[in-house]
Amino acid sequence: MPKQLKVQIFSDGQIQAEVLGIKGKKCMDYIKILEELLEAEVVDSEYTSEYYEKEQVELEGTEWTINRQIAKEER
């Protein structure tokens, strides 16, 4: 499922938002952005089943070679 953010703004000023296609706590980042853009504050939250799923992250493989030389004091 593609990442989606559904927003409804009602005539009384109430805003309802739903984050879809984003697993785990990452969805809260999107809600935070909405709060800032709309100068609003979350009053109530309901978490979907996706909130409780683990997010899969793909990382590009980078190989690192670290050479350490330990200098010994000569006495």
N, C-alpha and C. Protein backbone atom coordinates (compact mmCIF):
# COMPACT_ATOMS: atom_id res chain seq x y z
N MET A 1 0.85 -1.18 0.00
CA MET A 1 0.00 0.00 0.00
C MET A 1 0.89 1.24 0.00
N PRO A 2 0.59 2.20 -0.87
CA PRO A 2 1.37 3.44 -0.87
C PRO A 2 1.09 4.26 0.39
N LYS A 3 2.04 5.08 0.73
CA LYS A 3 1.88 5.95 1.90
C LYS A 3 0.87 7.04 1.57
N GLN A 4 -0.11 7.19 2.47
CA GLN A 4 -1.17 8.18 2.25
C GLN A 4 -1.48 8.91 3.55
N LEU A 5 -1.91 10.13 3.39
CA LEU A 5 -2.37 10.93 4.53
C LEU A 5 -3.72 11.51 4.13
N LYS A 6 -4.78 11.02 4.78
CA LYS A 6 -6.13 11.50 4.49
C LYS A 6 -6.49 12.56 5.52
N VAL A 7 -6.88 13.73 5.03
CA VAL A 7 -7.21 14.84 5.93
C VAL A 7 -8.61 15.35 5.59
N GLN A 8 -9.43 15.50 6.63
CA GLN A 8 -10.76 16.10 6.48
C GLN A 8 -10.83 17.32 7.39
N ILE A 9 -11.30 18.42 6.84
CA ILE A 9 -11.49 19.64 7.63
C ILE A 9 -12.98 19.95 7.63
N PHE A 10 -13.58 19.98 8.81
CA PHE A 10 -15.01 20.18 8.95
C PHE A 10 -15.34 21.66 9.11
N SER A 11 -16.59 22.01 8.87
CA SER A 11 -17.03 23.41 8.93
C SER A 11 -16.84 24.04 10.31
N ASP A 12 -16.82 23.21 11.37
CA ASP A 12 -16.62 23.75 12.72
C ASP A 12 -15.14 23.91 13.06
N GLY A 13 -14.25 23.63 12.08
CA GLY A 13 -12.82 23.78 12.29
C GLY A 13 -12.12 22.52 12.75
N GLN A 14 -12.88 21.49 13.05
CA GLN A 14 -12.29 20.22 13.48
C GLN A 14 -11.57 19.59 12.29
N ILE A 15 -10.42 18.99 12.58
CA ILE A 15 -9.61 18.34 11.56
C ILE A 15 -9.47 16.87 11.93
N GLN A 16 -9.70 16.02 10.95
CA GLN A 16 -9.53 14.58 11.17
C GLN A 16 -8.49 14.10 10.17
N ALA A 17 -7.48 13.39 10.66
CA ALA A 17 -6.41 12.90 9.79
C ALA A 17 -6.21 11.41 10.01
N GLU A 18 -5.88 10.72 8.93
CA GLU A 18 -5.62 9.29 9.01
C GLU A 18 -4.37 9.00 8.19
N VAL A 19 -3.43 8.30 8.79
CA VAL A 19 -2.19 7.93 8.12
C VAL A 19 -2.32 6.48 7.68
N LEU A 20 -2.07 6.23 6.40
CA LEU A 20 -2.20 4.89 5.84
C LEU A 20 -0.90 4.47 5.17
N GLY A 21 -0.57 3.20 5.27
CA GLY A 21 0.60 2.67 4.59
C GLY A 21 1.92 2.95 5.28
N ILE A 22 1.87 3.42 6.51
CA ILE A 22 3.09 3.71 7.27
C ILE A 22 3.03 2.90 8.55
N LYS A 23 4.00 2.02 8.72
CA LYS A 23 3.97 1.11 9.87
C LYS A 23 4.78 1.66 11.04
N GLY A 24 4.36 1.27 12.22
CA GLY A 24 5.09 1.65 13.42
C GLY A 24 4.84 3.09 13.82
N LYS A 25 5.71 3.57 14.69
CA LYS A 25 5.55 4.91 15.26
C LYS A 25 5.91 6.03 14.27
N LYS A 26 6.43 5.67 13.11
CA LYS A 26 6.80 6.66 12.10
C LYS A 26 5.60 7.51 11.68
N CYS A 27 4.40 6.95 11.79
CA CYS A 27 3.19 7.69 11.40
C CYS A 27 3.02 8.96 12.24
N MET A 28 3.52 8.93 13.46
CA MET A 28 3.37 10.09 14.34
C MET A 28 4.17 11.29 13.82
N ASP A 29 5.23 11.03 13.05
CA ASP A 29 6.00 12.13 12.44
C ASP A 29 5.12 12.93 11.48
N TYR A 30 4.26 12.23 10.75
CA TYR A 30 3.37 12.89 9.80
C TYR A 30 2.30 13.72 10.52
N ILE A 31 1.82 13.20 11.63
CA ILE A 31 0.83 13.94 12.41
C ILE A 31 1.47 15.21 12.98
N LYS A 32 2.71 15.11 13.42
CA LYS A 32 3.43 16.26 13.95
C LYS A 32 3.57 17.36 12.89
N ILE A 33 3.88 16.95 11.66
CA ILE A 33 3.99 17.91 10.56
C ILE A 33 2.65 18.59 10.31
N LEU A 34 1.57 17.81 10.34
CA LEU A 34 0.23 18.39 10.17
C LEU A 34 -0.08 19.40 11.25
N GLU A 35 0.27 19.07 12.48
CA GLU A 35 0.03 20.00 13.59
C GLU A 35 0.72 21.34 13.33
N GLU A 36 1.96 21.27 12.85
CA GLU A 36 2.71 22.49 12.58
C GLU A 36 2.13 23.27 11.41
N LEU A 37 1.79 22.57 10.33
CA LEU A 37 1.25 23.24 9.14
C LEU A 37 -0.10 23.89 9.40
N LEU A 38 -0.94 23.21 10.16
CA LEU A 38 -2.30 23.69 10.40
C LEU A 38 -2.43 24.48 11.69
N GLU A 39 -1.32 24.65 12.40
CA GLU A 39 -1.33 25.31 13.70
C GLU A 39 -2.42 24.72 14.58
N ALA A 40 -2.39 23.38 14.66
CA ALA A 40 -3.41 22.63 15.40
C ALA A 40 -2.73 21.74 16.43
N GLU A 41 -3.53 21.11 17.26
CA GLU A 41 -3.02 20.22 18.30
C GLU A 41 -3.90 18.98 18.34
N VAL A 42 -3.25 17.81 18.44
CA VAL A 42 -4.00 16.55 18.52
C VAL A 42 -4.75 16.51 19.84
N VAL A 43 -6.04 16.21 19.75
CA VAL A 43 -6.89 16.13 20.93
C VAL A 43 -7.17 14.67 21.26
N ASP A 44 -7.29 13.83 20.24
CA ASP A 44 -7.62 12.43 20.44
C ASP A 44 -6.94 11.61 19.35
N SER A 45 -6.45 10.42 19.70
CA SER A 45 -5.80 9.55 18.72
C SER A 45 -6.34 8.14 18.85
N GLU A 46 -6.48 7.50 17.72
CA GLU A 46 -6.80 6.07 17.67
C GLU A 46 -5.76 5.45 16.75
N TYR A 47 -5.11 4.41 17.23
CA TYR A 47 -4.06 3.77 16.44
C TYR A 47 -4.64 2.63 15.61
N THR A 48 -4.20 2.55 14.35
CA THR A 48 -4.60 1.44 13.48
C THR A 48 -3.70 0.25 13.75
N SER A 49 -4.01 -0.87 13.14
CA SER A 49 -3.18 -2.06 13.31
C SER A 49 -1.78 -1.83 12.75
N GLU A 50 -1.65 -0.94 11.76
CA GLU A 50 -0.33 -0.64 11.19
C GLU A 50 0.61 0.00 12.21
N TYR A 51 0.06 0.71 13.16
CA TYR A 51 0.87 1.35 14.20
C TYR A 51 1.64 0.29 14.99
N TYR A 52 1.04 -0.86 15.18
CA TYR A 52 1.64 -1.91 16.00
C TYR A 52 2.53 -2.86 15.19
N GLU A 53 2.60 -2.65 13.89
CA GLU A 53 3.47 -3.47 13.05
C GLU A 53 4.86 -2.86 13.02
N LYS A 54 5.85 -3.72 12.77
CA LYS A 54 7.22 -3.23 12.70
C LYS A 54 7.49 -2.69 11.31
N GLU A 55 8.17 -1.57 11.29
CA GLU A 55 8.54 -0.95 10.02
C GLU A 55 9.77 -1.66 9.47
N GLN A 56 9.76 -1.95 8.18
CA GLN A 56 10.92 -2.56 7.55
C GLN A 56 11.73 -1.45 6.89
N VAL A 57 13.01 -1.47 7.18
CA VAL A 57 13.89 -0.44 6.65
C VAL A 57 14.93 -1.11 5.77
N GLU A 58 15.07 -0.61 4.55
CA GLU A 58 16.08 -1.14 3.65
C GLU A 58 17.31 -0.24 3.72
N LEU A 59 18.44 -0.84 3.96
CA LEU A 59 19.69 -0.09 4.02
C LEU A 59 20.59 -0.52 2.88
N GLU A 60 21.26 0.43 2.30
CA GLU A 60 22.24 0.09 1.28
C GLU A 60 23.49 -0.40 1.99
N GLY A 61 24.05 -1.46 1.48
CA GLY A 61 25.25 -2.02 2.11
C GLY A 61 26.48 -1.18 1.82
N THR A 62 27.19 -0.83 2.84
CA THR A 62 28.45 -0.12 2.70
C THR A 62 29.47 -0.88 3.52
N GLU A 63 30.55 -1.22 2.89
CA GLU A 63 31.58 -1.98 3.59
C GLU A 63 32.67 -1.02 4.06
N TRP A 64 33.00 -1.13 5.31
CA TRP A 64 34.02 -0.27 5.89
C TRP A 64 35.19 -1.13 6.36
N THR A 65 36.38 -0.67 6.10
CA THR A 65 37.58 -1.31 6.62
C THR A 65 38.27 -0.30 7.51
N ILE A 66 38.48 -0.70 8.74
CA ILE A 66 39.10 0.21 9.70
C ILE A 66 40.43 -0.41 10.13
N ASN A 67 41.48 0.32 9.90
CA ASN A 67 42.80 -0.12 10.33
C ASN A 67 43.22 0.72 11.51
N ARG A 68 43.48 0.05 12.62
CA ARG A 68 43.94 0.78 13.80
C ARG A 68 45.36 0.34 14.13
N GLN A 69 46.16 1.29 14.39
CA GLN A 69 47.51 0.99 14.84
C GLN A 69 47.65 1.54 16.24
N ILE A 70 48.10 0.71 17.12
CA ILE A 70 48.30 1.14 18.49
C ILE A 70 49.79 1.42 18.68
N ALA A 71 50.10 2.65 18.99
CA ALA A 71 51.49 3.03 19.20
C ALA A 71 51.91 2.63 20.60
N LYS A 72 53.06 1.97 20.69
CA LYS A 72 53.60 1.58 22.00
C LYS A 72 54.71 2.55 22.36
N GLU A 73 54.69 2.95 23.61
CA GLU A 73 55.75 3.84 24.07
C GLU A 73 57.04 3.05 24.21
N GLU A 74 58.10 3.63 23.71
CA GLU A 74 59.40 2.98 23.89
C GLU A 74 60.00 3.49 25.18
N ARG A 75 60.53 2.56 25.96
CA ARG A 75 61.10 2.95 27.25
C ARG A 75 62.58 2.92 27.19
